[in-house]
Amino acid sequence: MKIGLALAGGGVRGAAHIGAIKALQENGINIDAVGGTSAGSIVAALYAMGYTTDEMIKIFNYFSKSVMAISPKDILNGMREVRGIRLGGITSSHNIELAIEEAAKLKEIKYIKDIKMPITIPTTDLLSDREIIFTNCEGLQGEEYIHDIEIGKAVRASSTFPGMYSPFEYKGYQFVDGGIFDNLPTIETKKLGVDKVISIRFKLKSPRKQKTIYNIAMQSLDLMTENLIRESIKASDYSIEIDLKDVKPFSISKLEFAYREGYMQTLDHIIKIKKSIK
């Protein structure tokens, strides 16, 4: 029985994925293929490259300040349209690429096709208005699949959050966050030759009136991605919803908390997971 793992985006909350993987491993649930979007793609790439969960959380901690240290005010400023030219971002997502590139070098990996574990990473191309998928699975062919991209660039493309980061220009593409089309890549993970897929996503905040533009934008984004992932949840053989309602996507101070919660909350599902993947 081959098991796949699909990981949703969520900024700092992505650290919970690492805790979840640790809980699965400790209980004999081995993952044979992995898919991830945005922050989920960072964890998916590190895991597929062979890093342990202890190593992964250290890497996540080490690079978080340079990758995610952006204030709500900065995000709103980055959403302004400058002289009608085009919507940009407050910074470049280049640090994401550098972080993954550095981790990949230590494993003697450069391209996504160099990774042995089957992996899939969705992104969004603004120029063609469609989803593009990076994967090392050569059996997946078509205009939407790319196999010969550096792993750092693949993760960067999937993690380029609109408004926060300028679109990632790559060859004939203009990439932004993969969560726009596929925030929980269960269906694409199933295409990697696995029998069952476990998916992990994050619980929405309780409905309440928002008073700031930033909170309105964040809640609206959560609602949009929630509607999009319903089919992905249905396609999952088991879906875990991690409750991190009080952790905002860029709250670096909550990173360790997210990691611990991911671990503890996944432990609560272990018995049911084992039954679902028999």
Protein backbone atom coordinates (compact mmCIF):
# COMPACT_ATOMS: atom_id res chain seq x y z
CA MET A 1 0.00 0.00 0.00
CA LYS A 2 1.53 3.28 -1.14
CA ILE A 3 0.51 6.42 0.76
CA GLY A 4 0.57 9.99 -0.52
CA LEU A 5 0.46 13.16 1.56
CA ALA A 6 -1.10 16.44 0.33
CA LEU A 7 -0.21 19.63 2.23
CA ALA A 8 -2.16 22.90 2.06
CA GLY A 9 -0.73 26.40 2.06
CA GLY A 10 -0.96 28.64 5.10
CA GLY A 11 2.20 30.67 5.70
CA VAL A 12 3.73 30.11 9.14
CA ARG A 13 0.99 27.57 9.81
CA GLY A 14 2.89 25.32 7.40
CA ALA A 15 5.15 24.38 10.34
CA ALA A 16 2.21 22.27 11.54
CA HIS A 17 2.77 20.00 8.53
CA ILE A 18 6.19 19.12 9.92
CA GLY A 19 4.68 18.19 13.28
CA ALA A 20 2.04 16.14 11.49
CA ILE A 21 4.67 14.21 9.52
CA LYS A 22 6.54 13.50 12.76
CA ALA A 23 3.37 12.07 14.33
CA LEU A 24 2.69 9.89 11.28
CA GLN A 25 6.24 8.54 11.20
CA GLU A 26 6.29 7.73 14.90
CA ASN A 27 3.17 5.63 14.39
CA GLY A 28 4.47 3.63 11.46
CA ILE A 29 2.61 5.52 8.72
CA ASN A 30 5.18 5.91 5.96
CA ILE A 31 4.69 8.39 3.14
CA ASP A 32 5.66 7.33 -0.39
CA ALA A 33 4.77 10.51 -2.32
CA VAL A 34 4.04 14.10 -1.41
CA GLY A 35 2.32 17.17 -2.82
CA GLY A 36 2.28 20.67 -1.41
CA THR A 37 1.07 24.17 -2.23
CA SER A 38 2.68 27.43 -1.09
CA ALA A 39 3.99 26.85 2.47
CA GLY A 40 2.99 23.23 1.97
CA SER A 41 5.37 23.07 -0.99
CA ILE A 42 8.27 24.15 1.26
CA VAL A 43 7.59 21.26 3.64
CA ALA A 44 6.91 18.84 0.77
CA ALA A 45 10.22 19.71 -0.90
CA LEU A 46 12.26 19.36 2.29
CA TYR A 47 10.60 16.05 3.13
CA ALA A 48 10.96 14.63 -0.38
CA MET A 49 14.64 15.61 -0.40
CA GLY A 50 15.21 13.41 2.64
CA TYR A 51 15.27 15.80 5.59
CA THR A 52 14.11 14.54 8.98
CA THR A 53 11.36 16.40 10.81
CA ASP A 54 13.88 17.71 13.36
CA GLU A 55 16.00 19.07 10.51
CA MET A 56 12.96 20.47 8.73
CA ILE A 57 11.73 22.53 11.68
CA LYS A 58 15.23 23.93 12.20
CA ILE A 59 15.38 24.96 8.54
CA PHE A 60 11.87 26.42 8.73
CA ASN A 61 12.90 28.43 11.80
CA TYR A 62 16.20 29.56 10.30
CA PHE A 63 14.74 30.95 7.11
CA SER A 64 11.40 32.22 8.42
CA LYS A 65 12.58 35.74 9.23
CA SER A 66 13.94 36.44 5.77
CA VAL A 67 11.06 34.70 4.00
CA MET A 68 7.98 35.66 6.05
CA ALA A 69 8.92 38.68 8.18
CA ILE A 70 6.40 41.07 6.66
CA SER A 71 3.98 43.27 8.59
CA PRO A 72 0.29 43.72 7.71
CA LYS A 73 1.00 47.37 6.90
CA ASP A 74 3.67 46.32 4.41
CA ILE A 75 1.26 43.92 2.73
CA LEU A 76 -1.39 46.58 2.27
CA ASN A 77 1.16 49.02 0.86
CA GLY A 78 2.27 46.35 -1.58
CA MET A 79 -1.26 45.96 -2.89
CA ARG A 80 -1.32 49.46 -4.37
CA GLU A 81 -1.29 49.81 -8.12
CA VAL A 82 1.58 52.05 -9.21
CA ARG A 83 0.60 54.48 -12.01
CA GLY A 84 -1.65 51.87 -13.59
CA ILE A 85 1.29 49.77 -14.75
CA ARG A 86 0.71 46.48 -12.93
CA LEU A 87 0.19 45.08 -9.49
CA GLY A 88 3.47 44.23 -7.86
CA GLY A 89 4.50 43.29 -4.36
CA ILE A 90 6.36 44.69 -1.43
CA THR A 91 9.32 42.40 -1.92
CA SER A 92 10.67 39.58 -4.07
CA SER A 93 10.12 35.92 -3.30
CA HIS A 94 13.77 35.31 -4.19
CA ASN A 95 14.63 34.46 -0.56
CA ILE A 96 12.32 31.46 -0.75
CA GLU A 97 14.22 30.19 -3.77
CA LEU A 98 17.57 30.74 -2.05
CA ALA A 99 16.45 28.92 1.10
CA ILE A 100 15.30 25.82 -0.78
CA GLU A 101 18.30 25.99 -3.10
CA GLU A 102 20.67 25.94 -0.13
CA ALA A 103 18.84 23.00 1.43
CA ALA A 104 18.88 21.16 -1.92
CA LYS A 105 22.64 21.63 -2.37
CA LEU A 106 23.29 19.81 0.88
CA LYS A 107 21.43 16.82 -0.61
CA GLU A 108 23.19 17.20 -3.99
CA ILE A 109 19.88 18.10 -5.63
CA LYS A 110 19.23 20.89 -8.12
CA TYR A 111 16.21 20.04 -10.26
CA ILE A 112 12.86 18.66 -9.16
CA LYS A 113 13.57 15.60 -11.32
CA ASP A 114 16.65 14.88 -9.15
CA ILE A 115 14.38 14.08 -6.18
CA LYS A 116 13.72 10.36 -5.74
CA MET A 117 10.41 10.57 -3.89
CA PRO A 118 7.47 11.40 -6.20
CA ILE A 119 6.47 15.03 -5.63
CA THR A 120 3.99 17.51 -7.08
CA ILE A 121 3.89 21.29 -6.58
CA PRO A 122 1.08 23.46 -8.07
CA THR A 123 1.43 27.13 -9.00
CA THR A 124 -0.57 29.72 -10.94
CA ASP A 125 0.46 31.33 -14.22
CA LEU A 126 -1.08 34.80 -14.64
CA LEU A 127 -0.25 34.99 -18.33
CA SER A 128 -2.31 31.94 -19.28
CA ASP A 129 -4.76 32.08 -16.34
CA ARG A 130 -4.23 28.43 -15.51
CA GLU A 131 -2.67 26.05 -13.05
CA ILE A 132 0.84 24.77 -13.74
CA ILE A 133 2.22 21.72 -11.91
CA PHE A 134 5.87 20.96 -11.22
CA THR A 135 6.57 17.26 -10.76
CA ASN A 136 9.28 14.63 -11.12
CA CYS A 137 6.73 12.08 -12.33
CA GLU A 138 7.58 11.65 -16.02
CA GLY A 139 4.34 9.77 -16.60
CA LEU A 140 2.41 13.01 -16.20
CA GLN A 141 2.54 14.80 -19.53
CA GLY A 142 0.80 17.84 -20.98
CA GLU A 143 1.26 21.59 -21.24
CA GLU A 144 0.39 22.04 -17.57
CA TYR A 145 3.26 19.83 -16.33
CA ILE A 146 6.89 20.98 -15.98
CA HIS A 147 9.63 18.49 -15.08
CA ASP A 148 12.90 20.32 -15.69
CA ILE A 149 12.76 23.22 -13.24
CA GLU A 150 15.09 23.81 -10.28
CA ILE A 151 13.40 22.79 -7.02
CA GLY A 152 14.06 26.23 -5.51
CA LYS A 153 12.26 27.94 -8.38
CA ALA A 154 9.35 25.48 -8.21
CA VAL A 155 8.78 26.18 -4.51
CA ARG A 156 9.22 29.90 -5.07
CA ALA A 157 6.59 29.89 -7.81
CA SER A 158 4.08 28.05 -5.62
CA SER A 159 4.76 30.36 -2.64
CA THR A 160 4.64 33.77 -4.33
CA PHE A 161 1.73 35.22 -2.34
CA PRO A 162 0.05 38.02 -4.35
CA GLY A 163 0.52 41.49 -2.89
CA MET A 164 3.25 40.33 -0.55
CA TYR A 165 5.58 39.17 -3.30
CA SER A 166 6.00 40.42 -6.83
CA PRO A 167 4.99 37.82 -9.46
CA PHE A 168 7.82 35.43 -10.25
CA GLU A 169 8.88 35.87 -13.87
CA TYR A 170 10.23 32.60 -15.26
CA LYS A 171 10.79 32.00 -18.96
CA GLY A 172 7.37 32.61 -20.55
CA TYR A 173 5.45 32.47 -17.28
CA GLN A 174 4.39 34.89 -14.55
CA PHE A 175 3.88 32.79 -11.44
CA VAL A 176 1.95 33.56 -8.27
CA ASP A 177 0.74 31.43 -5.36
CA GLY A 178 -0.49 27.93 -6.21
CA GLY A 179 -3.34 28.31 -3.73
CA ILE A 180 -5.31 30.37 -6.23
CA PHE A 181 -6.23 27.18 -8.12
CA ASP A 182 -5.19 24.32 -5.86
CA ASN A 183 -4.45 24.98 -2.19
CA LEU A 184 -4.72 21.30 -1.29
CA PRO A 185 -3.20 19.16 -4.10
CA THR A 186 -4.90 15.87 -3.24
CA ILE A 187 -5.94 15.06 -6.80
CA GLU A 188 -2.48 15.74 -8.22
CA THR A 189 -0.87 13.72 -5.41
CA LYS A 190 -3.08 10.76 -6.33
CA LYS A 191 -1.59 10.86 -9.81
CA LEU A 192 1.85 10.04 -8.37
CA GLY A 193 1.13 6.33 -8.26
CA VAL A 194 -0.18 6.01 -4.71
CA ASP A 195 -3.11 3.97 -3.45
CA LYS A 196 -4.32 6.33 -0.71
CA VAL A 197 -3.88 10.03 0.05
CA ILE A 198 -3.90 11.75 3.43
CA SER A 199 -4.49 15.50 3.20
CA ILE A 200 -3.76 18.20 5.78
CA ARG A 201 -5.36 21.64 5.81
CA PHE A 202 -6.11 24.39 8.33
CA LYS A 203 -9.34 25.23 10.10
CA LEU A 204 -10.95 28.58 9.32
CA LYS A 205 -11.41 31.25 11.97
CA SER A 206 -14.85 31.42 13.56
CA PRO A 207 -17.10 33.83 11.61
CA ARG A 208 -16.97 37.34 13.05
CA LYS A 209 -17.09 40.94 11.97
CA GLN A 210 -13.69 42.19 10.83
CA LYS A 211 -12.60 45.75 11.53
CA THR A 212 -9.38 46.14 9.58
CA ILE A 213 -8.64 45.90 5.85
CA TYR A 214 -5.88 43.38 6.57
CA ASN A 215 -8.17 41.03 8.53
CA ILE A 216 -10.89 41.37 5.90
CA ALA A 217 -8.38 40.44 3.18
CA MET A 218 -7.05 37.45 5.13
CA GLN A 219 -10.52 36.11 5.98
CA SER A 220 -11.68 36.59 2.39
CA LEU A 221 -8.66 34.65 1.14
CA ASP A 222 -9.39 31.83 3.60
CA LEU A 223 -13.00 31.64 2.42
CA MET A 224 -11.97 31.55 -1.24
CA THR A 225 -9.45 28.75 -0.72
CA GLU A 226 -11.91 26.83 1.46
CA ASN A 227 -14.44 26.75 -1.38
CA LEU A 228 -11.77 25.63 -3.82
CA ILE A 229 -10.52 22.71 -1.73
CA ARG A 230 -13.86 20.99 -1.18
CA GLU A 231 -13.25 18.65 -4.11
CA SER A 232 -9.74 17.98 -2.79
CA ILE A 233 -11.15 16.99 0.58
CA LYS A 234 -13.64 14.63 -1.10
CA ALA A 235 -10.77 13.07 -3.06
CA SER A 236 -8.80 12.43 0.14
CA ASP A 237 -8.90 9.02 1.75
CA TYR A 238 -8.42 10.81 5.05
CA SER A 239 -8.37 14.55 5.67
CA ILE A 240 -6.92 16.22 8.78
CA GLU A 241 -8.05 19.74 9.67
CA ILE A 242 -5.51 21.39 11.97
CA ASP A 243 -7.03 24.02 14.26
CA LEU A 244 -4.75 27.06 14.18
CA LYS A 245 -7.46 29.72 14.08
CA ASP A 246 -5.42 32.18 16.14
CA VAL A 247 -2.26 31.87 14.05
CA LYS A 248 -2.01 34.40 11.22
CA PRO A 249 -0.11 33.40 8.05
CA PHE A 250 2.86 35.67 8.85
CA SER A 251 3.00 35.34 12.67
CA ILE A 252 6.57 34.10 12.97
CA SER A 253 6.36 34.07 16.77
CA LYS A 254 3.73 31.30 16.47
CA LEU A 255 5.90 28.98 14.38
CA GLU A 256 6.90 26.61 17.19
CA PHE A 257 3.32 26.61 18.47
CA ALA A 258 2.07 25.60 15.02
CA TYR A 259 4.65 22.79 14.89
CA ARG A 260 3.59 21.40 18.28
CA GLU A 261 -0.12 21.66 17.46
CA GLY A 262 0.41 19.89 14.15
CA TYR A 263 2.06 17.04 16.02
CA MET A 264 -0.47 16.78 18.86
CA GLN A 265 -3.58 17.16 16.72
CA THR A 266 -2.38 14.57 14.21
CA LEU A 267 -1.85 12.09 17.04
CA ASP A 268 -5.57 12.38 17.76
CA HIS A 269 -6.28 11.05 14.24
CA ILE A 270 -3.82 8.14 14.15
CA ILE A 271 -6.28 5.31 14.84
CA LYS A 272 -8.76 6.58 12.23
CA ILE A 273 -5.97 7.17 9.70
CA LYS A 274 -4.73 3.60 10.07
CA LYS A 275 -8.24 2.26 9.48
CA SER A 276 -8.74 4.45 6.40
CA ILE A 277 -5.53 3.37 4.67
CA LYS A 278 -5.83 -0.38 5.16
